[in-house]
Structure formats: C-alpha cells, structure tokens
Amino acid sequence: MAVLTRLSPLTKLSEQLRAAAFPLAEDWLTVQEWFTPWAAQPDLREELRDHLRRLGPDEAAAVRAGSRETTTHFAWRLQDCPGDQFSFWLHEYKPLRDWRHGYADSVHNHRYHFCTTILRGGYVHERYDARLDPRTGLITSTRLNRRNTCGAGASGALLADQFHRIPSAGENTMTFLVKSRAVTDSSVSYDPATGISHRHLPIELRLEDLADRI
C-alpha cells in the first residue's frame, strides 16, 4: 500500500512557483493570485511553527546564516535555493520601543517584488506616490495614497517600483513573505520629516570596488 506523505505549506508553494511557465518577476500579479488563497489556509501559522520545530541542524544553520536584523524587525530567511526565482522569509517585528529610526518607517521601495501575509499581530500600512529626481533617482517628495490598519490574516503584494511605509506595528507581529529575485540594483527611501532621501545598495555589490577604497 502506498504511503501518502503530507506536504508542508512551504513545499506546496515552492512546487507551484517552480512549475510556473513564465519568469516570476515579470508577472508578479499572477504570483499574488496564487499566494492569496495559499495564505488564507486556516492552519498556516501552526504549519509554519511545525516547520521550524522540525528543522535539522544543517537547515537551522542555514536559516541563521541567511537572516539579519533591521532597525524595526528581524528578517528570518526560511528558504533560498540558488536555482529558485523566489525566497521565503519571516519578519518578526520588534516592540515599538526598540525601533530605531530607519528604513521600514520611512517611505521606501524594494529591489524586489513580494507578497506577504500577517501571521499574528498587525501594523499600519501606508502606500505613497513618490516623485523622483530624474538625474539622481532619489525621492524629492511623496504623497500619501492609502492608509490601512492590517491585522492577522491580511495579505497583499508590493512591486519594486511601488512605495510604502510601516509607521507602527503591534506587539509580537509576525509576517510571512515570498520575495522575487532582485529586479533593480538598489532601492531608495525618504524621510518625510527631514525631506532627505537615501539610496540603499546591497553590501555584496560593493565588494567589486572595496580594494579601491582601502
């Protein structure tokens, strides 16, 4: 008698994304159509908790090595296979008292597209229209387009050329994300209070010129 092996939610989503007949970054709205019902499954939080508890030593080491701390949250890299067009992440938001002024609470975009769902807690999410300097590519001004208070179970997507801000998050907020590969070399952020914009370049892209800066 054949034994049926239950696939984890991450495996199911991975297989669907790998089977896509198109480059994912070129049609991320279709990825969102797949992601939305996946994110709505009632036991997703418990399934992800079970996935983490079942990590072997090598898998746990890979998660630790690929994860990082930001000014507002811990970004845990759950899965990032070199041949895939996507990666999976958990974002664990810090208590507001521990936030440092920086990226997530500024108006910013990303180098990649992503879909996300809130597993627990919630946050205020703002979308912006941004005006860019045609010479520098930096933000010169922004206009609030939409503001929503999002709770557990909410999901959505953001493209690399869209701008948003998370000014606050509730206690113990946790989100799951699927990200595309980078579609641009850098991203930009803008502080509405000071009117200052910054460009953010991944550290690995700086290695090429590192010797010249010594």
N, C-alpha and C. Protein backbone atom coordinates (compact mmCIF):
# COMPACT_ATOMS: atom_id res chain seq x y z
N MET A 1 0.86 -1.20 0.00
CA MET A 1 0.00 0.00 0.00
C MET A 1 0.89 1.24 0.00
N ALA A 2 0.57 2.18 -0.87
CA ALA A 2 1.36 3.41 -0.95
C ALA A 2 1.13 4.26 0.28
N VAL A 3 2.19 4.87 0.76
CA VAL A 3 2.10 5.76 1.91
C VAL A 3 2.10 7.20 1.41
N LEU A 4 1.08 7.95 1.76
CA LEU A 4 0.97 9.34 1.32
C LEU A 4 1.73 10.23 2.29
N THR A 5 2.61 11.03 1.78
CA THR A 5 3.39 11.96 2.60
C THR A 5 2.76 13.34 2.50
N ARG A 6 2.41 13.91 3.65
CA ARG A 6 1.78 15.23 3.66
C ARG A 6 2.84 16.29 3.36
N LEU A 7 2.55 17.11 2.37
CA LEU A 7 3.49 18.17 2.01
C LEU A 7 3.29 19.37 2.93
N SER A 8 4.38 19.99 3.32
CA SER A 8 4.29 21.19 4.14
C SER A 8 3.80 22.34 3.28
N PRO A 9 3.23 23.39 3.88
CA PRO A 9 2.79 24.55 3.10
C PRO A 9 3.91 25.16 2.27
N LEU A 10 5.14 25.21 2.81
CA LEU A 10 6.25 25.78 2.05
C LEU A 10 6.58 24.94 0.83
N THR A 11 6.50 23.61 0.98
CA THR A 11 6.76 22.73 -0.15
C THR A 11 5.70 22.93 -1.23
N LYS A 12 4.44 23.03 -0.83
CA LYS A 12 3.36 23.22 -1.79
C LYS A 12 3.55 24.52 -2.58
N LEU A 13 3.87 25.60 -1.86
CA LEU A 13 4.06 26.88 -2.54
C LEU A 13 5.30 26.84 -3.42
N SER A 14 6.37 26.22 -2.94
CA SER A 14 7.59 26.10 -3.73
C SER A 14 7.32 25.38 -5.04
N GLU A 15 6.60 24.27 -4.99
CA GLU A 15 6.33 23.48 -6.19
C GLU A 15 5.49 24.28 -7.19
N GLN A 16 4.53 25.04 -6.69
CA GLN A 16 3.70 25.83 -7.59
C GLN A 16 4.54 26.92 -8.27
N LEU A 17 5.41 27.57 -7.53
CA LEU A 17 6.24 28.62 -8.10
C LEU A 17 7.27 28.06 -9.07
N ARG A 18 7.84 26.92 -8.75
CA ARG A 18 8.83 26.31 -9.63
C ARG A 18 8.21 25.81 -10.93
N ALA A 19 6.92 25.48 -10.89
CA ALA A 19 6.24 24.97 -12.08
C ALA A 19 5.74 26.08 -13.00
N ALA A 20 5.92 27.33 -12.61
CA ALA A 20 5.43 28.45 -13.42
C ALA A 20 6.06 28.42 -14.81
N ALA A 21 5.24 28.70 -15.81
CA ALA A 21 5.71 28.68 -17.20
C ALA A 21 6.17 30.06 -17.66
N PHE A 22 6.48 30.93 -16.73
CA PHE A 22 6.90 32.30 -17.06
C PHE A 22 7.87 32.77 -15.99
N PRO A 23 8.73 33.75 -16.30
CA PRO A 23 9.61 34.33 -15.27
C PRO A 23 8.76 35.03 -14.20
N LEU A 24 8.91 34.62 -12.96
CA LEU A 24 8.03 35.12 -11.90
C LEU A 24 8.07 36.64 -11.77
N ALA A 25 9.25 37.24 -11.85
CA ALA A 25 9.37 38.68 -11.65
C ALA A 25 8.69 39.48 -12.74
N GLU A 26 8.41 38.84 -13.88
CA GLU A 26 7.77 39.56 -14.98
C GLU A 26 6.25 39.53 -14.88
N ASP A 27 5.69 38.71 -14.00
CA ASP A 27 4.23 38.65 -13.83
C ASP A 27 3.93 38.37 -12.36
N TRP A 28 4.33 39.28 -11.50
CA TRP A 28 4.18 39.07 -10.06
C TRP A 28 2.72 39.11 -9.63
N LEU A 29 1.86 39.75 -10.40
CA LEU A 29 0.44 39.78 -10.03
C LEU A 29 -0.17 38.39 -10.12
N THR A 30 0.34 37.55 -11.02
CA THR A 30 -0.12 36.16 -11.05
C THR A 30 0.37 35.42 -9.82
N VAL A 31 1.59 35.70 -9.40
CA VAL A 31 2.09 35.11 -8.15
C VAL A 31 1.18 35.51 -6.99
N GLN A 32 0.74 36.76 -6.97
CA GLN A 32 -0.18 37.20 -5.92
C GLN A 32 -1.49 36.42 -5.97
N GLU A 33 -1.99 36.12 -7.18
CA GLU A 33 -3.22 35.34 -7.30
C GLU A 33 -3.06 33.95 -6.70
N TRP A 34 -1.87 33.38 -6.82
CA TRP A 34 -1.60 32.07 -6.22
C TRP A 34 -1.40 32.19 -4.71
N PHE A 35 -0.72 33.26 -4.32
CA PHE A 35 -0.36 33.43 -2.92
C PHE A 35 -1.57 33.68 -2.03
N THR A 36 -2.52 34.45 -2.52
CA THR A 36 -3.65 34.86 -1.68
C THR A 36 -4.42 33.68 -1.10
N PRO A 37 -4.86 32.69 -1.89
CA PRO A 37 -5.54 31.54 -1.27
C PRO A 37 -4.61 30.69 -0.43
N TRP A 38 -3.34 30.60 -0.82
CA TRP A 38 -2.37 29.85 0.00
C TRP A 38 -2.26 30.47 1.38
N ALA A 39 -2.19 31.80 1.43
CA ALA A 39 -2.03 32.49 2.71
C ALA A 39 -3.29 32.41 3.57
N ALA A 40 -4.43 32.11 2.96
CA ALA A 40 -5.70 32.09 3.68
C ALA A 40 -6.01 30.75 4.33
N GLN A 41 -5.15 29.74 4.15
CA GLN A 41 -5.43 28.45 4.77
C GLN A 41 -5.43 28.59 6.28
N PRO A 42 -6.43 28.01 6.95
CA PRO A 42 -6.66 28.30 8.37
C PRO A 42 -5.55 27.87 9.32
N ASP A 43 -4.77 26.85 8.96
CA ASP A 43 -3.75 26.34 9.87
C ASP A 43 -2.35 26.78 9.49
N LEU A 44 -2.22 27.84 8.69
CA LEU A 44 -0.91 28.23 8.18
C LEU A 44 0.07 28.54 9.31
N ARG A 45 -0.37 29.29 10.30
CA ARG A 45 0.53 29.66 11.40
C ARG A 45 1.04 28.41 12.12
N GLU A 46 0.15 27.47 12.39
CA GLU A 46 0.55 26.25 13.07
C GLU A 46 1.49 25.41 12.20
N GLU A 47 1.22 25.39 10.89
CA GLU A 47 2.06 24.62 9.97
C GLU A 47 3.47 25.21 9.90
N LEU A 48 3.57 26.52 9.88
CA LEU A 48 4.88 27.15 9.85
C LEU A 48 5.63 26.94 11.17
N ARG A 49 4.90 26.98 12.27
CA ARG A 49 5.51 26.69 13.56
C ARG A 49 6.08 25.27 13.57
N ASP A 50 5.30 24.32 13.03
CA ASP A 50 5.74 22.94 12.97
C ASP A 50 6.97 22.79 12.07
N HIS A 51 6.97 23.54 10.96
CA HIS A 51 8.12 23.50 10.06
C HIS A 51 9.40 23.92 10.78
N LEU A 52 9.33 24.99 11.56
CA LEU A 52 10.51 25.48 12.26
C LEU A 52 10.98 24.47 13.31
N ARG A 53 10.05 23.84 13.99
CA ARG A 53 10.42 22.88 15.02
C ARG A 53 11.05 21.62 14.44
N ARG A 54 10.79 21.33 13.16
CA ARG A 54 11.32 20.13 12.53
C ARG A 54 12.64 20.38 11.79
N LEU A 55 13.17 21.59 11.83
CA LEU A 55 14.42 21.88 11.14
C LEU A 55 15.55 21.02 11.69
N GLY A 56 16.31 20.40 10.80
CA GLY A 56 17.51 19.68 11.21
C GLY A 56 18.64 20.66 11.48
N PRO A 57 19.75 20.17 12.04
CA PRO A 57 20.87 21.06 12.38
C PRO A 57 21.39 21.86 11.18
N ASP A 58 21.53 21.24 10.04
CA ASP A 58 22.04 21.95 8.87
C ASP A 58 21.03 22.98 8.37
N GLU A 59 19.74 22.61 8.40
CA GLU A 59 18.71 23.55 7.97
C GLU A 59 18.64 24.75 8.91
N ALA A 60 18.72 24.49 10.21
CA ALA A 60 18.69 25.59 11.18
C ALA A 60 19.89 26.51 11.01
N ALA A 61 21.05 25.92 10.72
CA ALA A 61 22.26 26.73 10.49
C ALA A 61 22.09 27.62 9.27
N ALA A 62 21.45 27.09 8.22
CA ALA A 62 21.24 27.88 7.01
C ALA A 62 20.29 29.04 7.28
N VAL A 63 19.26 28.81 8.09
CA VAL A 63 18.33 29.89 8.44
C VAL A 63 19.08 30.98 9.21
N ARG A 64 19.88 30.58 10.19
CA ARG A 64 20.64 31.56 10.98
C ARG A 64 21.59 32.37 10.09
N ALA A 65 22.28 31.67 9.19
CA ALA A 65 23.29 32.34 8.35
C ALA A 65 22.67 33.33 7.38
N GLY A 66 21.45 33.06 6.93
CA GLY A 66 20.84 33.93 5.94
C GLY A 66 19.94 35.01 6.50
N SER A 67 19.80 35.05 7.82
CA SER A 67 18.88 36.00 8.46
C SER A 67 19.64 37.24 8.93
N ARG A 68 18.89 38.31 9.24
CA ARG A 68 19.54 39.55 9.63
C ARG A 68 18.61 40.40 10.48
N GLU A 69 19.19 41.35 11.17
CA GLU A 69 18.42 42.30 11.98
C GLU A 69 18.34 43.63 11.25
N THR A 70 17.16 44.23 11.23
CA THR A 70 16.99 45.57 10.68
C THR A 70 16.64 46.53 11.81
N THR A 71 16.39 47.77 11.49
CA THR A 71 16.07 48.76 12.52
C THR A 71 14.72 48.51 13.18
N THR A 72 13.84 47.77 12.51
CA THR A 72 12.48 47.58 13.03
C THR A 72 12.07 46.13 13.22
N HIS A 73 12.80 45.19 12.62
CA HIS A 73 12.39 43.79 12.71
C HIS A 73 13.57 42.85 12.46
N PHE A 74 13.33 41.59 12.79
CA PHE A 74 14.26 40.52 12.46
C PHE A 74 13.75 39.84 11.19
N ALA A 75 14.60 39.72 10.19
CA ALA A 75 14.23 39.09 8.92
C ALA A 75 14.84 37.70 8.88
N TRP A 76 14.00 36.68 9.03
CA TRP A 76 14.44 35.29 9.06
C TRP A 76 14.28 34.67 7.68
N ARG A 77 15.39 34.24 7.08
CA ARG A 77 15.33 33.63 5.74
C ARG A 77 15.07 32.13 5.88
N LEU A 78 13.84 31.73 5.58
CA LEU A 78 13.45 30.34 5.74
C LEU A 78 13.93 29.45 4.60
N GLN A 79 13.91 29.99 3.39
CA GLN A 79 14.28 29.16 2.23
C GLN A 79 14.80 30.06 1.12
N ASP A 80 15.93 29.68 0.55
CA ASP A 80 16.52 30.47 -0.53
C ASP A 80 17.44 29.55 -1.33
N CYS A 81 16.85 28.79 -2.24
CA CYS A 81 17.62 27.86 -3.06
C CYS A 81 18.16 28.59 -4.28
N PRO A 82 19.44 28.43 -4.63
CA PRO A 82 20.05 29.19 -5.72
C PRO A 82 19.31 29.09 -7.04
N GLY A 83 18.71 27.94 -7.36
CA GLY A 83 18.04 27.80 -8.64
C GLY A 83 16.63 28.34 -8.68
N ASP A 84 16.10 28.78 -7.54
CA ASP A 84 14.72 29.28 -7.50
C ASP A 84 14.65 30.76 -7.86
N GLN A 85 13.48 31.16 -8.32
CA GLN A 85 13.24 32.56 -8.64
C GLN A 85 12.60 33.31 -7.47
N PHE A 86 12.65 32.74 -6.29
CA PHE A 86 11.96 33.30 -5.12
C PHE A 86 12.69 32.88 -3.86
N SER A 87 12.33 33.50 -2.76
CA SER A 87 12.80 33.09 -1.43
C SER A 87 11.68 33.31 -0.43
N PHE A 88 11.73 32.60 0.69
CA PHE A 88 10.71 32.68 1.74
C PHE A 88 11.32 33.29 2.99
N TRP A 89 10.55 34.17 3.64
CA TRP A 89 11.04 34.88 4.83
C TRP A 89 9.95 34.99 5.89
N LEU A 90 10.38 35.08 7.14
CA LEU A 90 9.53 35.52 8.25
C LEU A 90 10.08 36.85 8.75
N HIS A 91 9.21 37.81 8.96
CA HIS A 91 9.61 39.08 9.57
C HIS A 91 9.01 39.15 10.97
N GLU A 92 9.87 39.26 11.95
CA GLU A 92 9.47 39.34 13.35
C GLU A 92 9.68 40.77 13.83
N TYR A 93 8.59 41.52 14.01
CA TYR A 93 8.70 42.94 14.34
C TYR A 93 9.05 43.14 15.81
N LYS A 94 9.95 44.07 16.03
CA LYS A 94 10.37 44.40 17.39
C LYS A 94 9.28 45.24 18.07
N PRO A 95 9.27 45.28 19.42
CA PRO A 95 8.39 46.23 20.11
C PRO A 95 8.73 47.65 19.67
N LEU A 96 7.73 48.50 19.60
CA LEU A 96 7.95 49.86 19.11
C LEU A 96 9.04 50.60 19.89
N ARG A 97 9.16 50.30 21.17
CA ARG A 97 10.18 50.99 21.99
C ARG A 97 11.60 50.65 21.52
N ASP A 98 11.75 49.54 20.79
CA ASP A 98 13.07 49.12 20.31
C ASP A 98 13.34 49.53 18.86
N TRP A 99 12.34 50.16 18.22
CA TRP A 99 12.57 50.60 16.84
C TRP A 99 13.59 51.73 16.82
N ARG A 100 14.47 51.68 15.85
CA ARG A 100 15.36 52.80 15.57
C ARG A 100 14.91 53.45 14.27
N HIS A 101 14.99 54.76 14.24
CA HIS A 101 14.55 55.48 13.06
C HIS A 101 15.31 54.97 11.85
N GLY A 102 14.60 54.55 10.82
CA GLY A 102 15.30 53.99 9.67
C GLY A 102 14.39 53.57 8.56
N TYR A 103 14.65 52.40 8.01
CA TYR A 103 14.10 52.04 6.71
C TYR A 103 12.60 51.77 6.70
N ALA A 104 12.12 50.83 7.51
CA ALA A 104 10.72 50.40 7.41
C ALA A 104 9.75 51.53 7.70
N ASP A 105 10.12 52.44 8.60
CA ASP A 105 9.20 53.53 8.94
C ASP A 105 9.45 54.78 8.10
N SER A 106 10.31 54.67 7.09
CA SER A 106 10.44 55.73 6.09
C SER A 106 9.61 55.34 4.87
N VAL A 107 9.42 56.26 3.96
CA VAL A 107 8.77 55.93 2.68
C VAL A 107 9.84 55.31 1.80
N HIS A 108 9.61 54.09 1.33
CA HIS A 108 10.66 53.38 0.61
C HIS A 108 10.08 52.38 -0.38
N ASN A 109 10.93 51.93 -1.28
CA ASN A 109 10.58 50.81 -2.15
C ASN A 109 11.58 49.68 -1.89
N HIS A 110 11.53 48.64 -2.71
CA HIS A 110 12.43 47.50 -2.54
C HIS A 110 13.04 47.14 -3.89
N ARG A 111 14.12 46.37 -3.85
CA ARG A 111 14.75 45.92 -5.10
C ARG A 111 14.00 44.75 -5.73
N TYR A 112 13.04 44.21 -5.03
CA TYR A 112 12.32 43.00 -5.45
C TYR A 112 10.82 43.21 -5.29
N HIS A 113 10.04 42.34 -5.92
CA HIS A 113 8.61 42.26 -5.67
C HIS A 113 8.39 41.30 -4.49
N PHE A 114 7.27 41.47 -3.79
CA PHE A 114 6.98 40.49 -2.74
C PHE A 114 5.48 40.39 -2.48
N CYS A 115 5.09 39.25 -1.93
CA CYS A 115 3.75 39.04 -1.37
C CYS A 115 3.93 38.77 0.12
N THR A 116 2.98 39.19 0.94
CA THR A 116 3.10 39.00 2.37
C THR A 116 1.74 38.73 3.00
N THR A 117 1.78 38.04 4.13
CA THR A 117 0.57 37.85 4.94
C THR A 117 0.95 38.01 6.40
N ILE A 118 0.05 38.55 7.19
CA ILE A 118 0.29 38.75 8.62
C ILE A 118 -0.14 37.50 9.37
N LEU A 119 0.80 36.87 10.06
CA LEU A 119 0.51 35.65 10.81
C LEU A 119 -0.08 35.94 12.18
N ARG A 120 0.41 36.97 12.82
CA ARG A 120 -0.11 37.39 14.13
C ARG A 120 0.19 38.86 14.31
N GLY A 121 -0.59 39.52 15.18
CA GLY A 121 -0.40 40.94 15.41
C GLY A 121 -0.99 41.77 14.28
N GLY A 122 -0.30 42.83 13.91
CA GLY A 122 -0.78 43.71 12.86
C GLY A 122 0.06 44.96 12.78
N TYR A 123 -0.18 45.76 11.73
CA TYR A 123 0.56 47.01 11.59
C TYR A 123 -0.25 48.01 10.79
N VAL A 124 0.19 49.25 10.85
CA VAL A 124 -0.36 50.30 10.00
C VAL A 124 0.46 50.30 8.71
N HIS A 125 -0.24 50.24 7.59
CA HIS A 125 0.45 50.19 6.29
C HIS A 125 0.02 51.37 5.45
N GLU A 126 0.98 52.11 4.94
CA GLU A 126 0.72 53.28 4.10
C GLU A 126 1.35 53.10 2.73
N ARG A 127 0.61 53.42 1.70
CA ARG A 127 1.15 53.43 0.33
C ARG A 127 1.28 54.88 -0.13
N TYR A 128 2.33 55.15 -0.89
CA TYR A 128 2.65 56.51 -1.30
C TYR A 128 2.88 56.61 -2.80
N ASP A 129 2.58 57.78 -3.33
CA ASP A 129 3.09 58.18 -4.64
C ASP A 129 4.37 58.98 -4.38
N ALA A 130 5.41 58.69 -5.13
CA ALA A 130 6.70 59.36 -4.91
C ALA A 130 7.16 60.04 -6.19
N ARG A 131 7.69 61.23 -6.05
CA ARG A 131 8.29 61.94 -7.18
C ARG A 131 9.80 61.77 -7.10
N LEU A 132 10.40 61.33 -8.21
CA LEU A 132 11.83 61.05 -8.24
C LEU A 132 12.58 62.10 -9.05
N ASP A 133 13.76 62.44 -8.60
CA ASP A 133 14.65 63.31 -9.36
C ASP A 133 15.16 62.53 -10.56
N PRO A 134 14.92 63.01 -11.79
CA PRO A 134 15.34 62.25 -12.97
C PRO A 134 16.85 62.09 -13.10
N ARG A 135 17.61 62.95 -12.44
CA ARG A 135 19.07 62.88 -12.52
C ARG A 135 19.65 61.90 -11.51
N THR A 136 19.19 62.00 -10.26
CA THR A 136 19.77 61.18 -9.19
C THR A 136 18.96 59.92 -8.89
N GLY A 137 17.69 59.93 -9.25
CA GLY A 137 16.82 58.82 -8.91
C GLY A 137 16.34 58.85 -7.48
N LEU A 138 16.70 59.87 -6.70
CA LEU A 138 16.27 60.00 -5.32
C LEU A 138 14.87 60.62 -5.25
N ILE A 139 14.21 60.42 -4.11
CA ILE A 139 12.86 60.93 -3.92
C ILE A 139 12.93 62.41 -3.53
N THR A 140 12.13 63.22 -4.20
CA THR A 140 12.08 64.64 -3.87
C THR A 140 10.83 65.00 -3.07
N SER A 141 9.74 64.24 -3.22
CA SER A 141 8.53 64.48 -2.46
C SER A 141 7.64 63.24 -2.52
N THR A 142 6.73 63.13 -1.56
CA THR A 142 5.80 62.00 -1.53
C THR A 142 4.39 62.49 -1.21
N ARG A 143 3.43 61.66 -1.60
CA ARG A 143 2.03 61.96 -1.28
C ARG A 143 1.38 60.67 -0.80
N LEU A 144 0.74 60.73 0.38
CA LEU A 144 0.06 59.56 0.92
C LEU A 144 -1.10 59.18 0.01
N ASN A 145 -1.11 57.93 -0.42
CA ASN A 145 -2.15 57.43 -1.32
C ASN A 145 -3.23 56.66 -0.57
N ARG A 146 -2.79 55.82 0.39
CA ARG A 146 -3.75 54.99 1.13
C ARG A 146 -3.14 54.58 2.45
N ARG A 147 -3.96 54.52 3.49
CA ARG A 147 -3.52 54.11 4.82
C ARG A 147 -4.50 53.08 5.37
N ASN A 148 -3.98 51.93 5.78
CA ASN A 148 -4.82 50.86 6.30
C ASN A 148 -4.23 50.30 7.58
N THR A 149 -5.09 49.89 8.49
CA THR A 149 -4.67 49.13 9.65
C THR A 149 -4.92 47.66 9.33
N CYS A 150 -3.85 46.88 9.27
CA CYS A 150 -3.93 45.49 8.81
C CYS A 150 -3.70 44.54 9.99
N GLY A 151 -4.57 43.54 10.11
CA GLY A 151 -4.45 42.58 11.20
C GLY A 151 -4.12 41.20 10.70
N ALA A 152 -4.09 40.25 11.62
CA ALA A 152 -3.75 38.87 11.29
C ALA A 152 -4.67 38.35 10.19
N GLY A 153 -4.08 37.69 9.20
CA GLY A 153 -4.83 37.15 8.07
C GLY A 153 -4.82 38.05 6.85
N ALA A 154 -4.47 39.32 7.02
CA ALA A 154 -4.41 40.22 5.88
C ALA A 154 -3.23 39.84 4.99
N SER A 155 -3.40 39.98 3.68
CA SER A 155 -2.30 39.69 2.76
C SER A 155 -2.31 40.71 1.64
N GLY A 156 -1.20 40.81 0.94
CA GLY A 156 -1.09 41.76 -0.15
C GLY A 156 0.23 41.60 -0.86
N ALA A 157 0.46 42.48 -1.82
CA ALA A 157 1.69 42.43 -2.62
C ALA A 157 2.19 43.83 -2.86
N LEU A 158 3.48 43.94 -3.12
CA LEU A 158 4.10 45.21 -3.46
C LEU A 158 5.13 44.96 -4.55
N LEU A 159 5.08 45.80 -5.58
CA LEU A 159 6.06 45.71 -6.67
C LEU A 159 7.25 46.61 -6.38
N ALA A 160 8.35 46.35 -7.03
CA ALA A 160 9.59 47.06 -6.73
C ALA A 160 9.51 48.55 -6.99
N ASP A 161 8.63 48.98 -7.89
CA ASP A 161 8.52 50.40 -8.19
C ASP A 161 7.43 51.10 -7.37
N GLN A 162 6.87 50.41 -6.40
CA GLN A 162 5.84 50.99 -5.54
C GLN A 162 6.44 51.35 -4.18
N PHE A 163 5.89 52.40 -3.55
CA PHE A 163 6.45 52.93 -2.32
C PHE A 163 5.46 52.77 -1.16
N HIS A 164 6.01 52.43 0.00
CA HIS A 164 5.14 52.24 1.16
C HIS A 164 5.90 52.58 2.43
N ARG A 165 5.17 52.48 3.55
CA ARG A 165 5.75 52.75 4.86
C ARG A 165 4.96 51.99 5.91
N ILE A 166 5.65 51.49 6.92
CA ILE A 166 5.01 50.88 8.09
C ILE A 166 5.41 51.73 9.29
N PRO A 167 4.57 52.69 9.69
CA PRO A 167 4.94 53.59 10.78
C PRO A 167 4.87 52.95 12.16
N SER A 168 4.08 51.87 12.29
CA SER A 168 3.97 51.22 13.60
C SER A 168 3.46 49.80 13.42
N ALA A 169 3.81 48.95 14.37
CA ALA A 169 3.35 47.56 14.37
C ALA A 169 2.97 47.16 15.78
N GLY A 170 1.99 46.26 15.90
CA GLY A 170 1.55 45.79 17.20
C GLY A 170 2.56 44.85 17.83
N GLU A 171 2.38 44.60 19.11
CA GLU A 171 3.26 43.68 19.84
C GLU A 171 3.22 42.29 19.20
N ASN A 172 4.38 41.68 19.11
CA ASN A 172 4.51 40.29 18.63
C ASN A 172 4.02 40.09 17.19
N THR A 173 4.13 41.13 16.37
CA THR A 173 3.70 40.99 14.98
C THR A 173 4.69 40.14 14.20
N MET A 174 4.14 39.21 13.42
CA MET A 174 4.94 38.29 12.61
C MET A 174 4.31 38.19 11.24
N THR A 175 5.12 38.29 10.18
CA THR A 175 4.61 38.17 8.82
C THR A 175 5.42 37.14 8.04
N PHE A 176 4.79 36.56 7.03
CA PHE A 176 5.48 35.66 6.11
C PHE A 176 5.53 36.36 4.76
N LEU A 177 6.67 36.22 4.05
CA LEU A 177 6.83 36.84 2.75
C LEU A 177 7.42 35.87 1.75
N VAL A 178 6.98 35.99 0.50
CA VAL A 178 7.69 35.37 -0.62
C VAL A 178 8.20 36.52 -1.49
N LYS A 179 9.51 36.52 -1.74
CA LYS A 179 10.15 37.60 -2.48
C LYS A 179 10.63 37.09 -3.84
N SER A 180 10.57 37.95 -4.83
CA SER A 180 11.20 37.64 -6.12
C SER A 180 12.69 37.89 -6.01
N ARG A 181 13.44 37.49 -7.02
CA ARG A 181 14.83 37.91 -7.10
C ARG A 181 14.86 39.42 -7.38
N ALA A 182 15.97 40.06 -7.08
CA ALA A 182 16.08 41.50 -7.28
C ALA A 182 15.86 41.86 -8.74
N VAL A 183 15.08 42.90 -8.96
CA VAL A 183 14.84 43.40 -10.31
C VAL A 183 15.54 44.74 -10.54
N THR A 184 16.10 45.33 -9.47
CA THR A 184 16.90 46.55 -9.59
C THR A 184 18.12 46.40 -8.68
N ASP A 185 19.14 47.23 -8.92
CA ASP A 185 20.37 47.16 -8.14
C ASP A 185 20.24 47.81 -6.77
N SER A 186 19.30 48.75 -6.64
CA SER A 186 19.20 49.49 -5.38
C SER A 186 17.76 49.90 -5.13
N SER A 187 17.52 50.38 -3.92
CA SER A 187 16.22 50.93 -3.56
C SER A 187 16.46 52.32 -2.96
N VAL A 188 15.38 53.07 -2.74
CA VAL A 188 15.51 54.40 -2.16
C VAL A 188 14.50 54.58 -1.03
N SER A 189 14.85 55.44 -0.10
CA SER A 189 13.94 55.77 0.99
C SER A 189 13.89 57.29 1.16
N TYR A 190 12.86 57.74 1.88
CA TYR A 190 12.63 59.18 2.04
C TYR A 190 12.05 59.42 3.43
N ASP A 191 12.65 60.35 4.16
CA ASP A 191 12.18 60.73 5.48
C ASP A 191 11.29 61.96 5.34
N PRO A 192 9.96 61.81 5.52
CA PRO A 192 9.08 62.97 5.36
C PRO A 192 9.40 64.11 6.33
N ALA A 193 9.95 63.79 7.49
CA ALA A 193 10.22 64.83 8.49
C ALA A 193 11.36 65.74 8.07
N THR A 194 12.37 65.17 7.41
CA THR A 194 13.55 65.96 7.04
C THR A 194 13.62 66.26 5.54
N GLY A 195 12.85 65.52 4.74
CA GLY A 195 12.91 65.69 3.29
C GLY A 195 14.16 65.09 2.68
N ILE A 196 14.88 64.24 3.43
CA ILE A 196 16.12 63.64 2.94
C ILE A 196 15.85 62.26 2.37
N SER A 197 16.42 61.98 1.21
CA SER A 197 16.27 60.70 0.55
C SER A 197 17.63 60.00 0.51
N HIS A 198 17.60 58.67 0.61
CA HIS A 198 18.83 57.89 0.58
C HIS A 198 18.69 56.75 -0.44
N ARG A 199 19.82 56.38 -1.04
CA ARG A 199 19.86 55.19 -1.88
C ARG A 199 20.47 54.04 -1.08
N HIS A 200 19.90 52.85 -1.23
CA HIS A 200 20.35 51.69 -0.49
C HIS A 200 20.89 50.65 -1.46
N LEU A 201 22.19 50.38 -1.34
CA LEU A 201 22.87 49.44 -2.22
C LEU A 201 23.30 48.23 -1.39
N PRO A 202 22.96 47.02 -1.81
CA PRO A 202 23.35 45.83 -1.05
C PRO A 202 24.87 45.76 -0.88
N ILE A 203 25.31 45.31 0.27
CA ILE A 203 26.74 45.30 0.57
C ILE A 203 27.51 44.42 -0.41
N GLU A 204 26.89 43.32 -0.89
CA GLU A 204 27.64 42.43 -1.77
C GLU A 204 28.00 43.10 -3.09
N LEU A 205 27.24 44.11 -3.51
CA LEU A 205 27.55 44.81 -4.75
C LEU A 205 28.71 45.78 -4.59
N ARG A 206 29.09 46.07 -3.34
CA ARG A 206 30.20 46.98 -3.08
C ARG A 206 31.56 46.28 -3.09
N LEU A 207 31.56 44.94 -3.06
CA LEU A 207 32.82 44.21 -2.97
C LEU A 207 33.74 44.50 -4.15
N GLU A 208 33.17 44.67 -5.32
CA GLU A 208 33.96 44.89 -6.53
C GLU A 208 34.91 46.08 -6.41
N ASP A 209 34.45 47.12 -5.67
CA ASP A 209 35.25 48.33 -5.55
C ASP A 209 35.93 48.46 -4.17
N LEU A 210 35.83 47.41 -3.35
CA LEU A 210 36.32 47.53 -1.98
C LEU A 210 37.82 47.81 -1.93
N ALA A 211 38.59 47.14 -2.76
CA ALA A 211 40.06 47.33 -2.73
C ALA A 211 40.44 48.78 -3.02
N ASP A 212 39.68 49.44 -3.91
CA ASP A 212 39.99 50.82 -4.26
C ASP A 212 39.70 51.79 -3.13
N ARG A 213 38.91 51.35 -2.16
CA ARG A 213 38.54 52.24 -1.07
C ARG A 213 39.44 52.08 0.15
N ILE A 214 40.39 51.14 0.07
CA ILE A 214 41.30 50.96 1.22
C ILE A 214 42.37 52.05 1.22
